[in-house]
Amino acid sequence: MNAPAEPSRRGTGGSNAEQVLGASDGRILDPIDRVSEILFGLFMVLTFTGTLSVATAGREDVRTMLVAAIGCNTAWGFVDAVMYVLRNLVTRGRNVTLLRALREVARPEIAQRAIADHIGPLAGGLDTPTLERLRRWLIEQPAHAVPSSSVTAHDLKGAGWVFLLVFASTFPVVLPFVFAVDLKMAMRISAAIAGVMLFYCGVIWGRHAGVRPWKAGLALLGLGAVVEAIIIALGG
């Protein structure tokens, strides 16, 4: 495998350093993050709709289910948004710690090993000269290139999107219970909408995982049914 080209030191050094050290690349959430948040909210609301009984449930039971489902996804959307910000802070904190260690360590081979460990399995394609060039490039970056260790506007935007995705995923599944007069019909429509959402999320996942989209869609549809059955059986 050819060694990657040495990172450019001209013009955009700070920007490149921000990308290597884990700062924002401009996207609020990547497609997998978006799908994951939608699935999380979807599974939560299905926990409520799946417990309704056609034989015994009345309008009051449906109303209680709607309030509980919306309230639950509102709460968990908030919790997931907070965890998103915390994950970003931890990731950037690790990157800042790495950069400080690179500037303080005296032996280049130790710094190179730290960089390889930070990169992960892909570092197997980097030889020693390439790791050394990367080490020198990182320690030469100006202080403003180091990602912020405090909450940023990008973090807050991402947290907002996380909340909205979890919260909004509630409504396609519960709206049939609002407008349909017949409970049995509402349950069928709701289940069909949930199935379409699961399949679509699987298609998106498949496109990014290198799997045939329709196969990934069917797999997630089946997996979703199994996971939801287990959640309901366990009283979730």
Protein backbone atom coordinates (compact mmCIF):
# COMPACT_ATOMS: atom_id res chain seq x y z
CA MET A 1 0.00 0.00 0.00
CA ASN A 2 1.31 3.43 -0.90
CA ALA A 3 2.00 5.73 2.01
CA PRO A 4 -0.42 8.64 2.27
CA ALA A 5 0.87 11.97 1.16
CA GLU A 6 2.29 14.26 3.83
CA PRO A 7 -0.36 16.67 5.11
CA SER A 8 -0.03 20.11 3.61
CA ARG A 9 1.39 22.82 5.87
CA ARG A 10 0.33 25.66 3.60
CA GLY A 11 -2.75 27.78 3.97
CA THR A 12 -5.14 25.32 5.61
CA GLY A 13 -2.95 23.75 8.26
CA GLY A 14 -5.29 24.74 11.07
CA SER A 15 -8.33 23.38 9.26
CA ASN A 16 -6.62 20.05 8.56
CA ALA A 17 -5.53 19.77 12.17
CA GLU A 18 -9.11 20.32 13.31
CA GLN A 19 -10.27 17.44 11.13
CA VAL A 20 -7.53 15.08 12.36
CA LEU A 21 -8.15 16.01 16.00
CA GLY A 22 -11.88 15.47 15.78
CA ALA A 23 -13.43 18.88 15.31
CA SER A 24 -16.48 19.45 13.17
CA ASP A 25 -16.30 18.66 9.47
CA GLY A 26 -19.36 20.85 8.86
CA ARG A 27 -22.04 18.18 9.19
CA ILE A 28 -24.41 18.33 12.14
CA LEU A 29 -25.07 14.56 12.18
CA ASP A 30 -23.88 11.91 9.78
CA PRO A 31 -26.52 9.64 8.12
CA ILE A 32 -25.92 6.74 10.50
CA ASP A 33 -26.41 9.01 13.52
CA ARG A 34 -29.67 10.27 12.05
CA VAL A 35 -30.96 6.77 11.36
CA SER A 36 -29.93 5.62 14.84
CA GLU A 37 -31.86 8.43 16.52
CA ILE A 38 -34.96 7.75 14.42
CA LEU A 39 -34.78 4.06 15.29
CA PHE A 40 -34.37 4.83 18.97
CA GLY A 41 -37.49 6.99 18.99
CA LEU A 42 -39.38 4.47 16.87
CA PHE A 43 -38.65 1.56 19.18
CA MET A 44 -39.70 3.64 22.18
CA VAL A 45 -43.08 4.58 20.72
CA LEU A 46 -43.73 1.02 19.52
CA THR A 47 -43.32 -0.09 23.11
CA PHE A 48 -46.50 1.85 23.89
CA THR A 49 -48.55 1.16 20.77
CA GLY A 50 -47.70 -2.55 20.91
CA THR A 51 -49.31 -2.96 24.32
CA LEU A 52 -52.78 -1.87 23.21
CA SER A 53 -55.39 -4.60 22.96
CA VAL A 54 -58.08 -4.39 20.29
CA ALA A 55 -60.44 -6.38 22.48
CA THR A 56 -60.17 -4.33 25.68
CA ALA A 57 -58.71 -0.90 24.87
CA GLY A 58 -61.07 2.08 24.90
CA ARG A 59 -60.64 5.72 23.93
CA GLU A 60 -59.29 6.54 27.38
CA ASP A 61 -56.64 3.84 27.00
CA VAL A 62 -55.66 5.25 23.61
CA ARG A 63 -55.46 8.75 25.05
CA THR A 64 -53.27 7.52 27.89
CA MET A 65 -51.02 5.73 25.41
CA LEU A 66 -50.62 8.85 23.29
CA VAL A 67 -49.70 11.03 26.25
CA ALA A 68 -47.26 8.42 27.57
CA ALA A 69 -45.59 7.86 24.17
CA ILE A 70 -45.12 11.57 23.46
CA GLY A 71 -43.93 12.25 27.00
CA CYS A 72 -41.49 9.35 26.95
CA ASN A 73 -39.91 10.33 23.64
CA THR A 74 -39.72 13.95 24.74
CA ALA A 75 -37.81 12.91 27.85
CA TRP A 76 -35.53 10.47 26.05
CA GLY A 77 -34.91 12.93 23.25
CA PHE A 78 -33.64 15.36 25.86
CA VAL A 79 -31.49 12.70 27.54
CA ASP A 80 -30.03 11.58 24.21
CA ALA A 81 -29.27 15.19 23.28
CA VAL A 82 -27.35 15.68 26.53
CA MET A 83 -25.43 12.44 25.95
CA TYR A 84 -24.55 13.62 22.44
CA VAL A 85 -22.91 16.74 23.86
CA LEU A 86 -21.08 14.71 26.51
CA ARG A 87 -19.76 12.26 23.89
CA ASN A 88 -18.40 15.16 21.84
CA LEU A 89 -16.70 16.64 24.89
CA VAL A 90 -15.08 13.32 25.78
CA THR A 91 -13.89 12.77 22.20
CA ARG A 92 -12.35 16.23 21.96
CA GLY A 93 -10.83 15.85 25.42
CA ARG A 94 -9.07 12.66 24.31
CA ASN A 95 -7.76 14.44 21.23
CA VAL A 96 -6.45 17.39 23.25
CA THR A 97 -4.76 14.96 25.64
CA LEU A 98 -3.11 13.21 22.69
CA LEU A 99 -1.78 16.46 21.25
CA ARG A 100 -0.36 17.54 24.60
CA ALA A 101 1.31 14.17 25.04
CA LEU A 102 2.86 14.38 21.57
CA ARG A 103 4.38 17.75 22.42
CA GLU A 104 5.78 16.52 25.74
CA VAL A 105 7.09 13.05 24.92
CA ALA A 106 10.82 12.90 24.20
CA ARG A 107 10.99 9.69 22.19
CA PRO A 108 9.40 9.83 18.71
CA GLU A 109 8.66 6.08 18.64
CA ILE A 110 6.43 6.43 21.71
CA ALA A 111 4.56 9.32 20.08
CA GLN A 112 4.16 7.32 16.88
CA ARG A 113 2.69 4.41 18.82
CA ALA A 114 0.26 6.80 20.55
CA ILE A 115 -0.87 8.17 17.18
CA ALA A 116 -1.35 4.65 15.80
CA ASP A 117 -3.40 3.63 18.85
CA HIS A 118 -5.53 6.74 18.46
CA ILE A 119 -6.20 6.10 14.77
CA GLY A 120 -7.08 2.46 15.34
CA PRO A 121 -6.90 -0.50 12.91
CA LEU A 122 -6.40 1.77 9.87
CA ALA A 123 -3.00 2.70 11.29
CA GLY A 124 -1.80 -0.70 10.05
CA GLY A 125 -1.48 0.88 6.62
CA LEU A 126 0.88 3.60 7.88
CA ASP A 127 4.61 2.97 7.99
CA THR A 128 7.05 4.54 10.45
CA PRO A 129 8.10 7.47 8.21
CA THR A 130 4.46 8.37 7.63
CA LEU A 131 3.66 8.27 11.35
CA GLU A 132 6.73 10.43 12.01
CA ARG A 133 5.61 13.00 9.42
CA LEU A 134 2.17 13.04 11.03
CA ARG A 135 3.70 13.49 14.48
CA ARG A 136 5.78 16.44 13.36
CA TRP A 137 2.86 18.00 11.54
CA LEU A 138 0.58 17.73 14.59
CA ILE A 139 3.03 19.27 17.05
CA GLU A 140 3.66 22.16 14.65
CA GLN A 141 0.00 23.16 14.56
CA PRO A 142 -0.89 26.49 16.21
CA ALA A 143 -2.85 26.55 19.45
CA HIS A 144 -6.08 27.67 17.73
CA ALA A 145 -6.10 24.43 15.68
CA VAL A 146 -6.78 22.38 18.82
CA PRO A 147 -10.49 21.53 19.12
CA SER A 148 -12.33 23.32 21.90
CA SER A 149 -12.76 21.45 25.17
CA SER A 150 -15.96 23.38 25.98
CA VAL A 151 -19.46 23.11 24.55
CA THR A 152 -19.66 24.66 21.09
CA ALA A 153 -22.48 25.97 18.92
CA HIS A 154 -22.03 22.90 16.73
CA ASP A 155 -22.62 20.68 19.77
CA LEU A 156 -25.84 22.51 20.58
CA LYS A 157 -27.07 22.27 16.99
CA GLY A 158 -26.33 18.57 16.97
CA ALA A 159 -28.11 18.11 20.30
CA GLY A 160 -31.11 19.97 18.88
CA TRP A 161 -31.25 17.65 15.90
CA VAL A 162 -30.91 14.59 18.12
CA PHE A 163 -33.87 15.75 20.19
CA LEU A 164 -35.98 16.55 17.13
CA LEU A 165 -35.30 13.20 15.48
CA VAL A 166 -36.25 11.20 18.57
CA PHE A 167 -39.28 13.41 19.25
CA ALA A 168 -40.52 13.58 15.64
CA SER A 169 -40.24 9.81 15.12
CA THR A 170 -43.15 9.49 17.57
CA PHE A 171 -45.81 11.09 15.42
CA PRO A 172 -45.99 8.98 12.24
CA VAL A 173 -46.74 5.94 14.39
CA VAL A 174 -49.27 7.54 16.77
CA LEU A 175 -51.19 9.77 14.34
CA PRO A 176 -53.42 6.90 13.12
CA PHE A 177 -54.76 6.60 16.68
CA VAL A 178 -55.69 10.28 16.60
CA PHE A 179 -57.61 10.27 13.32
CA ALA A 180 -58.85 6.70 12.85
CA VAL A 181 -62.23 5.89 14.42
CA ASP A 182 -61.71 2.13 14.44
CA LEU A 183 -58.95 1.00 16.83
CA LYS A 184 -58.16 -2.15 14.87
CA MET A 185 -57.67 -0.15 11.68
CA ALA A 186 -55.53 2.40 13.53
CA MET A 187 -53.27 -0.36 14.84
CA ARG A 188 -52.85 -1.82 11.36
CA ILE A 189 -52.03 1.56 9.82
CA SER A 190 -49.62 2.35 12.65
CA ALA A 191 -47.84 -1.00 12.24
CA ALA A 192 -47.57 -0.46 8.48
CA ILE A 193 -46.05 3.00 8.96
CA ALA A 194 -43.58 1.61 11.49
CA GLY A 195 -42.63 -1.13 9.04
CA VAL A 196 -42.00 1.37 6.28
CA MET A 197 -39.84 3.47 8.60
CA LEU A 198 -37.81 0.43 9.68
CA PHE A 199 -37.30 -0.65 6.08
CA TYR A 200 -36.24 2.84 4.99
CA CYS A 201 -33.77 3.14 7.87
CA GLY A 202 -32.35 -0.23 6.85
CA VAL A 203 -31.95 0.95 3.26
CA ILE A 204 -29.97 4.00 4.44
CA TRP A 205 -27.84 1.81 6.67
CA GLY A 206 -27.20 -0.62 3.82
CA ARG A 207 -26.01 2.13 1.49
CA HIS A 208 -23.39 3.22 4.01
CA ALA A 209 -22.40 -0.30 5.08
CA GLY A 210 -21.78 -1.69 1.62
CA VAL A 211 -24.78 -4.04 1.83
CA ARG A 212 -27.58 -4.32 -0.73
CA PRO A 213 -30.06 -1.68 0.46
CA TRP A 214 -33.17 -3.84 0.08
CA LYS A 215 -31.56 -6.69 2.00
CA ALA A 216 -30.52 -4.35 4.79
CA GLY A 217 -34.06 -2.94 4.84
CA LEU A 218 -35.64 -6.38 5.19
CA ALA A 219 -33.08 -7.40 7.80
CA LEU A 220 -33.78 -4.33 9.92
CA LEU A 221 -37.51 -4.84 9.51
CA GLY A 222 -37.18 -8.39 10.86
CA LEU A 223 -34.75 -7.37 13.58
CA GLY A 224 -37.03 -4.54 14.63
CA ALA A 225 -39.96 -6.92 15.04
CA VAL A 226 -37.85 -9.26 17.20
CA VAL A 227 -36.40 -6.44 19.33
CA GLU A 228 -39.82 -4.88 19.87
CA ALA A 229 -41.34 -8.24 20.86
CA ILE A 230 -38.58 -8.70 23.44
CA ILE A 231 -39.00 -5.17 24.80
CA ILE A 232 -42.76 -5.64 25.21
CA ALA A 233 -42.31 -9.11 26.74
CA LEU A 234 -39.91 -7.66 29.31
CA GLY A 235 -42.39 -4.95 30.22
CA GLY A 236 -40.51 -2.16 28.40
